[in-house]
Amino acid sequence: MISLTRRNGNAVVVNADLILTVEATPETMLYMVNGERIVVKETIEDVIKRTVAFRRRIHFQDVGGGR
């Protein structure tokens, strides 16, 4: 799960595994696999960084046993 910010300033937590595509239109729009669209304040690069960090945390837990 990654934490992002909606246009209105409210926090939203998104399951990164359910993001289909991300587009700048010029706002950052997340297209989810269920057809939902979420507009967020973060840039595409921020969404990518948070998704990569999320996946690293998950991988570390699986491989490292959560040390």
PDB file of N, CA and C in Angstrom:
ATOM      1  N   MET A   1       0.849  -1.173   0.000  1.00  0.00           N
ATOM      2  CA  MET A   1       0.000   0.000   0.000  1.00  0.00           C
ATOM      3  C   MET A   1       0.900   1.243   0.000  1.00  0.00           C
ATOM      4  N   ILE A   2       0.477   2.245  -0.754  1.00  0.00           N
ATOM      5  CA  ILE A   2       1.229   3.501  -0.788  1.00  0.00           C
ATOM      6  C   ILE A   2       0.290   4.640  -0.399  1.00  0.00           C
ATOM      7  N   SER A   3       0.819   5.600   0.324  1.00  0.00           N
ATOM      8  CA  SER A   3       0.059   6.749   0.778  1.00  0.00           C
ATOM      9  C   SER A   3       0.251   7.902  -0.205  1.00  0.00           C
ATOM     10  N   LEU A   4      -0.866   8.469  -0.670  1.00  0.00           N
ATOM     11  CA  LEU A   4      -0.844   9.581  -1.610  1.00  0.00           C
ATOM     12  C   LEU A   4      -1.809  10.656  -1.125  1.00  0.00           C
ATOM     13  N   THR A   5      -1.892  11.758  -1.854  1.00  0.00           N
ATOM     14  CA  THR A   5      -2.748  12.874  -1.468  1.00  0.00           C
ATOM     15  C   THR A   5      -3.696  13.225  -2.612  1.00  0.00           C
ATOM     16  N   ARG A   6      -4.989  13.220  -2.319  1.00  0.00           N
ATOM     17  CA  ARG A   6      -5.972  13.630  -3.320  1.00  0.00           C
ATOM     18  C   ARG A   6      -5.844  15.130  -3.576  1.00  0.00           C
ATOM     19  N   ARG A   7      -6.453  15.614  -4.641  1.00  0.00           N
ATOM     20  CA  ARG A   7      -6.413  17.042  -4.976  1.00  0.00           C
ATOM     21  C   ARG A   7      -6.922  17.923  -3.849  1.00  0.00           C
ATOM     22  N   ASN A   8      -7.933  17.437  -3.109  1.00  0.00           N
ATOM     23  CA  ASN A   8      -8.518  18.234  -2.034  1.00  0.00           C
ATOM     24  C   ASN A   8      -7.697  18.212  -0.746  1.00  0.00           C
ATOM     25  N   GLY A   9      -6.542  17.529  -0.769  1.00  0.00           N
ATOM     26  CA  GLY A   9      -5.665  17.482   0.395  1.00  0.00           C
ATOM     27  C   GLY A   9      -5.866  16.271   1.286  1.00  0.00           C
ATOM     28  N   ASN A  10      -6.905  15.495   1.046  1.00  0.00           N
ATOM     29  CA  ASN A  10      -7.154  14.301   1.855  1.00  0.00           C
ATOM     30  C   ASN A  10      -6.175  13.189   1.480  1.00  0.00           C
ATOM     31  N   ALA A  11      -5.731  12.484   2.500  1.00  0.00           N
ATOM     32  CA  ALA A  11      -4.836  11.347   2.267  1.00  0.00           C
ATOM     33  C   ALA A  11      -5.635  10.174   1.718  1.00  0.00           C
ATOM     34  N   VAL A  12      -5.009   9.409   0.849  1.00  0.00           N
ATOM     35  CA  VAL A  12      -5.600   8.179   0.329  1.00  0.00           C
ATOM     36  C   VAL A  12      -4.502   7.129   0.290  1.00  0.00           C
ATOM     37  N   VAL A  13      -4.831   5.920   0.695  1.00  0.00           N
ATOM     38  CA  VAL A  13      -3.883   4.818   0.651  1.00  0.00           C
ATOM     39  C   VAL A  13      -4.338   3.889  -0.472  1.00  0.00           C
ATOM     40  N   VAL A  14      -3.414   3.588  -1.379  1.00  0.00           N
ATOM     41  CA  VAL A  14      -3.735   2.838  -2.588  1.00  0.00           C
ATOM     42  C   VAL A  14      -2.961   1.527  -2.599  1.00  0.00           C
ATOM     43  N   ASN A  15      -3.631   0.463  -2.995  1.00  0.00           N
ATOM     44  CA  ASN A  15      -2.948  -0.809  -3.182  1.00  0.00           C
ATOM     45  C   ASN A  15      -2.148  -0.710  -4.477  1.00  0.00           C
ATOM     46  N   ALA A  16      -0.842  -0.641  -4.362  1.00  0.00           N
ATOM     47  CA  ALA A  16       0.026  -0.442  -5.521  1.00  0.00           C
ATOM     48  C   ALA A  16      -0.091  -1.583  -6.532  1.00  0.00           C
ATOM     49  N   ASP A  17      -0.499  -2.764  -6.080  1.00  0.00           N
ATOM     50  CA  ASP A  17      -0.655  -3.896  -6.982  1.00  0.00           C
ATOM     51  C   ASP A  17      -1.849  -3.735  -7.916  1.00  0.00           C
ATOM     52  N   LEU A  18      -2.742  -2.806  -7.606  1.00  0.00           N
ATOM     53  CA  LEU A  18      -3.951  -2.623  -8.410  1.00  0.00           C
ATOM     54  C   LEU A  18      -3.877  -1.433  -9.358  1.00  0.00           C
ATOM     55  N   ILE A  19      -2.705  -0.763  -9.407  1.00  0.00           N
ATOM     56  CA  ILE A  19      -2.529   0.352 -10.342  1.00  0.00           C
ATOM     57  C   ILE A  19      -2.242  -0.226 -11.720  1.00  0.00           C
ATOM     58  N   LEU A  20      -3.064   0.168 -12.693  1.00  0.00           N
ATOM     59  CA  LEU A  20      -2.875  -0.292 -14.064  1.00  0.00           C
ATOM     60  C   LEU A  20      -1.915   0.630 -14.810  1.00  0.00           C
ATOM     61  N   THR A  21      -2.225   1.944 -14.789  1.00  0.00           N
ATOM     62  CA  THR A  21      -1.349   2.937 -15.411  1.00  0.00           C
ATOM     63  C   THR A  21      -1.409   4.230 -14.614  1.00  0.00           C
ATOM     64  N   VAL A  22      -0.396   5.069 -14.831  1.00  0.00           N
ATOM     65  CA  VAL A  22      -0.339   6.402 -14.232  1.00  0.00           C
ATOM     66  C   VAL A  22      -0.067   7.377 -15.361  1.00  0.00           C
ATOM     67  N   GLU A  23      -0.815   8.490 -15.362  1.00  0.00           N
ATOM     68  CA  GLU A  23      -0.715   9.449 -16.457  1.00  0.00           C
ATOM     69  C   GLU A  23      -0.736  10.870 -15.909  1.00  0.00           C
ATOM     70  N   ALA A  24       0.039  11.749 -16.533  1.00  0.00           N
ATOM     71  CA  ALA A  24       0.011  13.176 -16.183  1.00  0.00           C
ATOM     72  C   ALA A  24      -0.867  13.883 -17.210  1.00  0.00           C
ATOM     73  N   THR A  25      -1.952  14.535 -16.741  1.00  0.00           N
ATOM     74  CA  THR A  25      -2.951  15.068 -17.680  1.00  0.00           C
ATOM     75  C   THR A  25      -3.362  16.520 -17.480  1.00  0.00           C
ATOM     76  N   PRO A  26      -2.749  17.488 -16.928  1.00  0.00           N
ATOM     77  CA  PRO A  26      -1.435  17.569 -16.294  1.00  0.00           C
ATOM     78  C   PRO A  26      -1.420  17.059 -14.861  1.00  0.00           C
ATOM     79  N   GLU A  27      -2.596  16.841 -14.247  1.00  0.00           N
ATOM     80  CA  GLU A  27      -2.584  16.251 -12.908  1.00  0.00           C
ATOM     81  C   GLU A  27      -2.204  14.785 -13.028  1.00  0.00           C
ATOM     82  N   THR A  28      -1.766  14.204 -11.935  1.00  0.00           N
ATOM     83  CA  THR A  28      -1.405  12.789 -11.959  1.00  0.00           C
ATOM     84  C   THR A  28      -2.669  11.966 -11.745  1.00  0.00           C
ATOM     85  N   MET A  29      -2.969  11.129 -12.719  1.00  0.00           N
ATOM     86  CA  MET A  29      -4.161  10.292 -12.693  1.00  0.00           C
ATOM     87  C   MET A  29      -3.735   8.837 -12.603  1.00  0.00           C
ATOM     88  N   LEU A  30      -4.266   8.155 -11.581  1.00  0.00           N
ATOM     89  CA  LEU A  30      -4.027   6.722 -11.432  1.00  0.00           C
ATOM     90  C   LEU A  30      -5.233   5.994 -12.020  1.00  0.00           C
ATOM     91  N   TYR A  31      -4.986   5.062 -12.895  1.00  0.00           N
ATOM     92  CA  TYR A  31      -6.038   4.211 -13.436  1.00  0.00           C
ATOM     93  C   TYR A  31      -5.885   2.848 -12.778  1.00  0.00           C
ATOM     94  N   MET A  32      -6.934   2.422 -12.089  1.00  0.00           N
ATOM     95  CA  MET A  32      -6.890   1.184 -11.334  1.00  0.00           C
ATOM     96  C   MET A  32      -7.459   0.042 -12.183  1.00  0.00           C
ATOM     97  N   VAL A  33      -7.111  -1.197 -11.824  1.00  0.00           N
ATOM     98  CA  VAL A  33      -7.570  -2.348 -12.599  1.00  0.00           C
ATOM     99  C   VAL A  33      -9.088  -2.509 -12.574  1.00  0.00           C
ATOM    100  N   ASN A  34      -9.757  -1.956 -11.557  1.00  0.00           N
ATOM    101  CA  ASN A  34     -11.211  -2.064 -11.468  1.00  0.00           C
ATOM    102  C   ASN A  34     -11.926  -0.946 -12.229  1.00  0.00           C
ATOM    103  N   GLY A  35     -11.167  -0.093 -12.934  1.00  0.00           N
ATOM    104  CA  GLY A  35     -11.751   0.993 -13.720  1.00  0.00           C
ATOM    105  C   GLY A  35     -11.820   2.322 -12.987  1.00  0.00           C
ATOM    106  N   GLU A  36     -11.557   2.314 -11.686  1.00  0.00           N
ATOM    107  CA  GLU A  36     -11.582   3.555 -10.909  1.00  0.00           C
ATOM    108  C   GLU A  36     -10.408   4.442 -11.324  1.00  0.00           C
ATOM    109  N   ARG A  37     -10.636   5.748 -11.273  1.00  0.00           N
ATOM    110  CA  ARG A  37      -9.575   6.726 -11.534  1.00  0.00           C
ATOM    111  C   ARG A  37      -9.396   7.564 -10.282  1.00  0.00           C
ATOM    112  N   ILE A  38      -8.148   7.805  -9.910  1.00  0.00           N
ATOM    113  CA  ILE A  38      -7.844   8.595  -8.723  1.00  0.00           C
ATOM    114  C   ILE A  38      -6.870   9.690  -9.136  1.00  0.00           C
ATOM    115  N   VAL A  39      -7.240  10.954  -8.866  1.00  0.00           N
ATOM    116  CA  VAL A  39      -6.365  12.081  -9.150  1.00  0.00           C
ATOM    117  C   VAL A  39      -5.605  12.411  -7.872  1.00  0.00           C
ATOM    118  N   VAL A  40      -4.271  12.508  -7.976  1.00  0.00           N
ATOM    119  CA  VAL A  40      -3.439  12.785  -6.802  1.00  0.00           C
ATOM    120  C   VAL A  40      -2.510  13.958  -7.075  1.00  0.00           C
ATOM    121  N   LYS A  41      -2.014  14.556  -5.987  1.00  0.00           N
ATOM    122  CA  LYS A  41      -1.104  15.699  -6.091  1.00  0.00           C
ATOM    123  C   LYS A  41       0.318  15.296  -6.445  1.00  0.00           C
ATOM    124  N   GLU A  42       0.720  14.081  -6.072  1.00  0.00           N
ATOM    125  CA  GLU A  42       2.084  13.638  -6.305  1.00  0.00           C
ATOM    126  C   GLU A  42       2.362  13.508  -7.811  1.00  0.00           C
ATOM    127  N   THR A  43       3.621  13.650  -8.163  1.00  0.00           N
ATOM    128  CA  THR A  43       4.030  13.484  -9.559  1.00  0.00           C
ATOM    129  C   THR A  43       4.097  11.994  -9.894  1.00  0.00           C
ATOM    130  N   ILE A  44       4.184  11.705 -11.190  1.00  0.00           N
ATOM    131  CA  ILE A  44       4.376  10.318 -11.618  1.00  0.00           C
ATOM    132  C   ILE A  44       5.632   9.741 -10.975  1.00  0.00           C
ATOM    133  N   GLU A  45       6.687  10.534 -10.936  1.00  0.00           N
ATOM    134  CA  GLU A  45       7.945  10.064 -10.353  1.00  0.00           C
ATOM    135  C   GLU A  45       7.773   9.701  -8.876  1.00  0.00           C
ATOM    136  N   ASP A  46       6.995  10.510  -8.131  1.00  0.00           N
ATOM    137  CA  ASP A  46       6.730  10.213  -6.721  1.00  0.00           C
ATOM    138  C   ASP A  46       5.953   8.910  -6.567  1.00  0.00           C
ATOM    139  N   VAL A  47       4.974   8.705  -7.421  1.00  0.00           N
ATOM    140  CA  VAL A  47       4.178   7.469  -7.366  1.00  0.00           C
ATOM    141  C   VAL A  47       5.090   6.267  -7.638  1.00  0.00           C
ATOM    142  N   ILE A  48       5.960   6.391  -8.619  1.00  0.00           N
ATOM    143  CA  ILE A  48       6.896   5.307  -8.937  1.00  0.00           C
ATOM    144  C   ILE A  48       7.819   5.035  -7.755  1.00  0.00           C
ATOM    145  N   LYS A  49       8.398   6.094  -7.169  1.00  0.00           N
ATOM    146  CA  LYS A  49       9.305   5.918  -6.028  1.00  0.00           C
ATOM    147  C   LYS A  49       8.607   5.222  -4.864  1.00  0.00           C
ATOM    148  N   ARG A  50       7.385   5.625  -4.572  1.00  0.00           N
ATOM    149  CA  ARG A  50       6.643   5.016  -3.459  1.00  0.00           C
ATOM    150  C   ARG A  50       6.288   3.564  -3.757  1.00  0.00           C
ATOM    151  N   THR A  51       5.969   3.283  -5.015  1.00  0.00           N
ATOM    152  CA  THR A  51       5.653   1.908  -5.398  1.00  0.00           C
ATOM    153  C   THR A  51       6.887   1.024  -5.296  1.00  0.00           C
ATOM    154  N   VAL A  52       8.027   1.519  -5.760  1.00  0.00           N
ATOM    155  CA  VAL A  52       9.275   0.754  -5.665  1.00  0.00           C
ATOM    156  C   VAL A  52       9.635   0.515  -4.198  1.00  0.00           C
ATOM    157  N   ALA A  53       9.505   1.533  -3.354  1.00  0.00           N
ATOM    158  CA  ALA A  53       9.801   1.383  -1.925  1.00  0.00           C
ATOM    159  C   ALA A  53       8.871   0.350  -1.287  1.00  0.00           C
ATOM    160  N   PHE A  54       7.595   0.381  -1.663  1.00  0.00           N
ATOM    161  CA  PHE A  54       6.622  -0.592  -1.156  1.00  0.00           C
ATOM    162  C   PHE A  54       7.041  -2.003  -1.549  1.00  0.00           C
ATOM    163  N   ARG A  55       7.395  -2.192  -2.799  1.00  0.00           N
ATOM    164  CA  ARG A  55       7.781  -3.523  -3.276  1.00  0.00           C
ATOM    165  C   ARG A  55       9.068  -4.006  -2.604  1.00  0.00           C
ATOM    166  N   ARG A  56       9.997  -3.100  -2.352  1.00  0.00           N
ATOM    167  CA  ARG A  56      11.228  -3.483  -1.637  1.00  0.00           C
ATOM    168  C   ARG A  56      10.904  -3.943  -0.222  1.00  0.00           C
ATOM    169  N   ARG A  57       9.994  -3.208   0.455  1.00  0.00           N
ATOM    170  CA  ARG A  57       9.601  -3.613   1.818  1.00  0.00           C
ATOM    171  C   ARG A  57       8.984  -5.004   1.805  1.00  0.00           C
ATOM    172  N   ILE A  58       8.122  -5.265   0.836  1.00  0.00           N
ATOM    173  CA  ILE A  58       7.472  -6.572   0.741  1.00  0.00           C
ATOM    174  C   ILE A  58       8.510  -7.654   0.460  1.00  0.00           C
ATOM    175  N   HIS A  59       9.405  -7.387  -0.473  1.00  0.00           N
ATOM    176  CA  HIS A  59      10.437  -8.363  -0.820  1.00  0.00           C
ATOM    177  C   HIS A  59      11.342  -8.642   0.376  1.00  0.00           C
ATOM    178  N   PHE A  60      11.727  -7.601   1.104  1.00  0.00           N
ATOM    179  CA  PHE A  60      12.589  -7.777   2.272  1.00  0.00           C
ATOM    180  C   PHE A  60      11.916  -8.660   3.312  1.00  0.00           C
ATOM    181  N   GLN A  61      10.633  -8.455   3.539  1.00  0.00           N
ATOM    182  CA  GLN A  61       9.905  -9.271   4.506  1.00  0.00           C
ATOM    183  C   GLN A  61       9.870 -10.725   4.075  1.00  0.00           C
ATOM    184  N   ASP A  62       9.669 -10.964   2.773  1.00  0.00           N
ATOM    185  CA  ASP A  62       9.608 -12.336   2.266  1.00  0.00           C
ATOM    186  C   ASP A  62      10.959 -13.028   2.352  1.00  0.00           C
ATOM    187  N   VAL A  63      12.033 -12.321   1.995  1.00  0.00           N
ATOM    188  CA  VAL A  63      13.369 -12.926   1.942  1.00  0.00           C
ATOM    189  C   VAL A  63      14.049 -12.887   3.303  1.00  0.00           C
ATOM    190  N   GLY A  64      13.979 -11.741   3.968  1.00  0.00           N
ATOM    191  CA  GLY A  64      14.720 -11.561   5.209  1.00  0.00           C
ATOM    192  C   GLY A  64      13.993 -12.014   6.461  1.00  0.00           C
ATOM    193  N   GLY A  65      12.766 -12.451   6.313  1.00  0.00           N
ATOM    194  CA  GLY A  65      12.036 -12.914   7.469  1.00  0.00           C
ATOM    195  C   GLY A  65      11.626 -11.801   8.400  1.00  0.00           C
ATOM    196  N   GLY A  66      11.696 -10.533   7.943  1.00  0.00           N
ATOM    197  CA  GLY A  66      11.241  -9.416   8.752  1.00  0.00           C
ATOM    198  C   GLY A  66      12.198  -8.989   9.823  1.00  0.00           C
ATOM    199  N   ARG A  67      13.367  -9.570   9.886  1.00  0.00           N
ATOM    200  CA  ARG A  67      14.389  -9.293  10.891  1.00  0.00           C
ATOM    201  C   ARG A  67      13.903  -8.351  11.899  1.00  0.00           C
TER     202      ARG A  67
END
